[in-house]
Amino acid sequence: MATVNLTIGGMSCDMCVGHVTRALLSVEGVVAAKVDLASASAVVETKDDHVSGKQLIDAVIEEGYDAKIAN
């Protein structure tokens, strides 16, 4: 398993959290995604390291939110 931490922008409510969570879970190889509104972040667990940060970011952006790899 690999873990990717993201910073998420543009979320304002629990529905936003649901949209981002579903977007992340739709990426093949993602097994869990915990999105937190208060910290504007997401922790994504993947089966292996074949899921790229770009794939995750692209899925979030496609839903209308901003994302970047957290430092």
C-alpha atoms as a PDB file:
ATOM      1  CA  MET A   1       0.000   0.000   0.000  1.00  0.00           C
ATOM      2  CA  ALA A   2       1.028   3.564  -0.674  1.00  0.00           C
ATOM      3  CA  THR A   3      -0.303   6.793   0.832  1.00  0.00           C
ATOM      4  CA  VAL A   4      -0.719  10.092  -1.009  1.00  0.00           C
ATOM      5  CA  ASN A   5      -1.532  13.313   0.852  1.00  0.00           C
ATOM      6  CA  LEU A   6      -3.336  16.036  -1.076  1.00  0.00           C
ATOM      7  CA  THR A   7      -4.322  19.618  -0.382  1.00  0.00           C
ATOM      8  CA  ILE A   8      -7.817  20.269  -1.741  1.00  0.00           C
ATOM      9  CA  GLY A   9      -9.122  23.700  -2.679  1.00  0.00           C
ATOM     10  CA  GLY A  10     -12.644  24.916  -3.292  1.00  0.00           C
ATOM     11  CA  MET A  11     -14.551  22.766  -0.804  1.00  0.00           C
ATOM     12  CA  SER A  12     -17.177  24.594   1.247  1.00  0.00           C
ATOM     13  CA  CYS A  13     -19.516  21.900   2.592  1.00  0.00           C
ATOM     14  CA  ASP A  14     -20.023  18.208   3.281  1.00  0.00           C
ATOM     15  CA  MET A  15     -21.412  17.679  -0.227  1.00  0.00           C
ATOM     16  CA  CYS A  16     -18.071  18.910  -1.581  1.00  0.00           C
ATOM     17  CA  VAL A  17     -16.322  16.338   0.601  1.00  0.00           C
ATOM     18  CA  GLY A  18     -18.545  13.650  -0.897  1.00  0.00           C
ATOM     19  CA  HIS A  19     -17.802  14.765  -4.454  1.00  0.00           C
ATOM     20  CA  VAL A  20     -14.048  14.764  -3.855  1.00  0.00           C
ATOM     21  CA  THR A  21     -14.177  11.411  -2.056  1.00  0.00           C
ATOM     22  CA  ARG A  22     -16.100   9.785  -4.895  1.00  0.00           C
ATOM     23  CA  ALA A  23     -13.727  11.279  -7.461  1.00  0.00           C
ATOM     24  CA  LEU A  24     -10.701   9.875  -5.654  1.00  0.00           C
ATOM     25  CA  LEU A  25     -12.303   6.453  -5.173  1.00  0.00           C
ATOM     26  CA  SER A  26     -13.072   6.318  -8.901  1.00  0.00           C
ATOM     27  CA  VAL A  27      -9.353   6.184  -9.725  1.00  0.00           C
ATOM     28  CA  GLU A  28      -8.334   2.591 -10.406  1.00  0.00           C
ATOM     29  CA  GLY A  29      -6.089   1.308  -7.621  1.00  0.00           C
ATOM     30  CA  VAL A  30      -7.439   3.583  -4.879  1.00  0.00           C
ATOM     31  CA  VAL A  31      -8.694   1.559  -1.912  1.00  0.00           C
ATOM     32  CA  ALA A  32      -9.555   4.381   0.535  1.00  0.00           C
ATOM     33  CA  ALA A  33      -9.857   8.151   0.582  1.00  0.00           C
ATOM     34  CA  LYS A  34     -10.363  10.295   3.684  1.00  0.00           C
ATOM     35  CA  VAL A  35     -11.253  13.874   2.795  1.00  0.00           C
ATOM     36  CA  ASP A  36     -11.336  16.512   5.541  1.00  0.00           C
ATOM     37  CA  LEU A  37     -13.179  19.797   5.021  1.00  0.00           C
ATOM     38  CA  ALA A  38     -11.632  21.616   8.004  1.00  0.00           C
ATOM     39  CA  SER A  39      -8.040  21.004   6.918  1.00  0.00           C
ATOM     40  CA  ALA A  40      -8.808  21.084   3.170  1.00  0.00           C
ATOM     41  CA  SER A  41      -6.924  17.844   2.741  1.00  0.00           C
ATOM     42  CA  ALA A  42      -7.229  14.256   1.614  1.00  0.00           C
ATOM     43  CA  VAL A  43      -5.325  11.119   2.528  1.00  0.00           C
ATOM     44  CA  VAL A  44      -5.529   8.513  -0.209  1.00  0.00           C
ATOM     45  CA  GLU A  45      -4.529   4.861   0.204  1.00  0.00           C
ATOM     46  CA  THR A  46      -3.659   2.941  -2.947  1.00  0.00           C
ATOM     47  CA  LYS A  47      -3.067  -0.737  -3.664  1.00  0.00           C
ATOM     48  CA  ASP A  48       0.442   0.007  -4.845  1.00  0.00           C
ATOM     49  CA  ASP A  49       2.590   2.856  -6.100  1.00  0.00           C
ATOM     50  CA  HIS A  50       1.243   2.599  -9.664  1.00  0.00           C
ATOM     51  CA  VAL A  51      -1.374   5.269  -8.916  1.00  0.00           C
ATOM     52  CA  SER A  52       0.203   8.621  -9.657  1.00  0.00           C
ATOM     53  CA  GLY A  53      -0.451  11.873  -7.885  1.00  0.00           C
ATOM     54  CA  LYS A  54      -1.390  13.329 -11.269  1.00  0.00           C
ATOM     55  CA  GLN A  55      -4.194  10.775 -11.681  1.00  0.00           C
ATOM     56  CA  LEU A  56      -5.607  11.756  -8.291  1.00  0.00           C
ATOM     57  CA  ILE A  57      -5.264  15.484  -8.963  1.00  0.00           C
ATOM     58  CA  ASP A  58      -6.894  15.118 -12.388  1.00  0.00           C
ATOM     59  CA  ALA A  59      -9.869  13.269 -10.840  1.00  0.00           C
ATOM     60  CA  VAL A  60     -10.400  16.055  -8.288  1.00  0.00           C
ATOM     61  CA  ILE A  61     -10.035  18.802 -10.901  1.00  0.00           C
ATOM     62  CA  GLU A  62     -12.560  17.027 -13.122  1.00  0.00           C
ATOM     63  CA  GLU A  63     -15.067  17.403 -10.250  1.00  0.00           C
ATOM     64  CA  GLY A  64     -14.433  21.152 -10.158  1.00  0.00           C
ATOM     65  CA  TYR A  65     -12.044  21.424  -7.207  1.00  0.00           C
ATOM     66  CA  ASP A  66      -8.341  22.237  -6.937  1.00  0.00           C
ATOM     67  CA  ALA A  67      -5.764  19.736  -5.733  1.00  0.00           C
ATOM     68  CA  LYS A  68      -2.039  19.447  -5.250  1.00  0.00           C
ATOM     69  CA  ILE A  69       0.349  17.098  -3.527  1.00  0.00           C
ATOM     70  CA  ALA A  70       0.758  18.174   0.098  1.00  0.00           C
ATOM     71  CA  ASN A  71       4.272  18.883   1.348  1.00  0.00           C
END
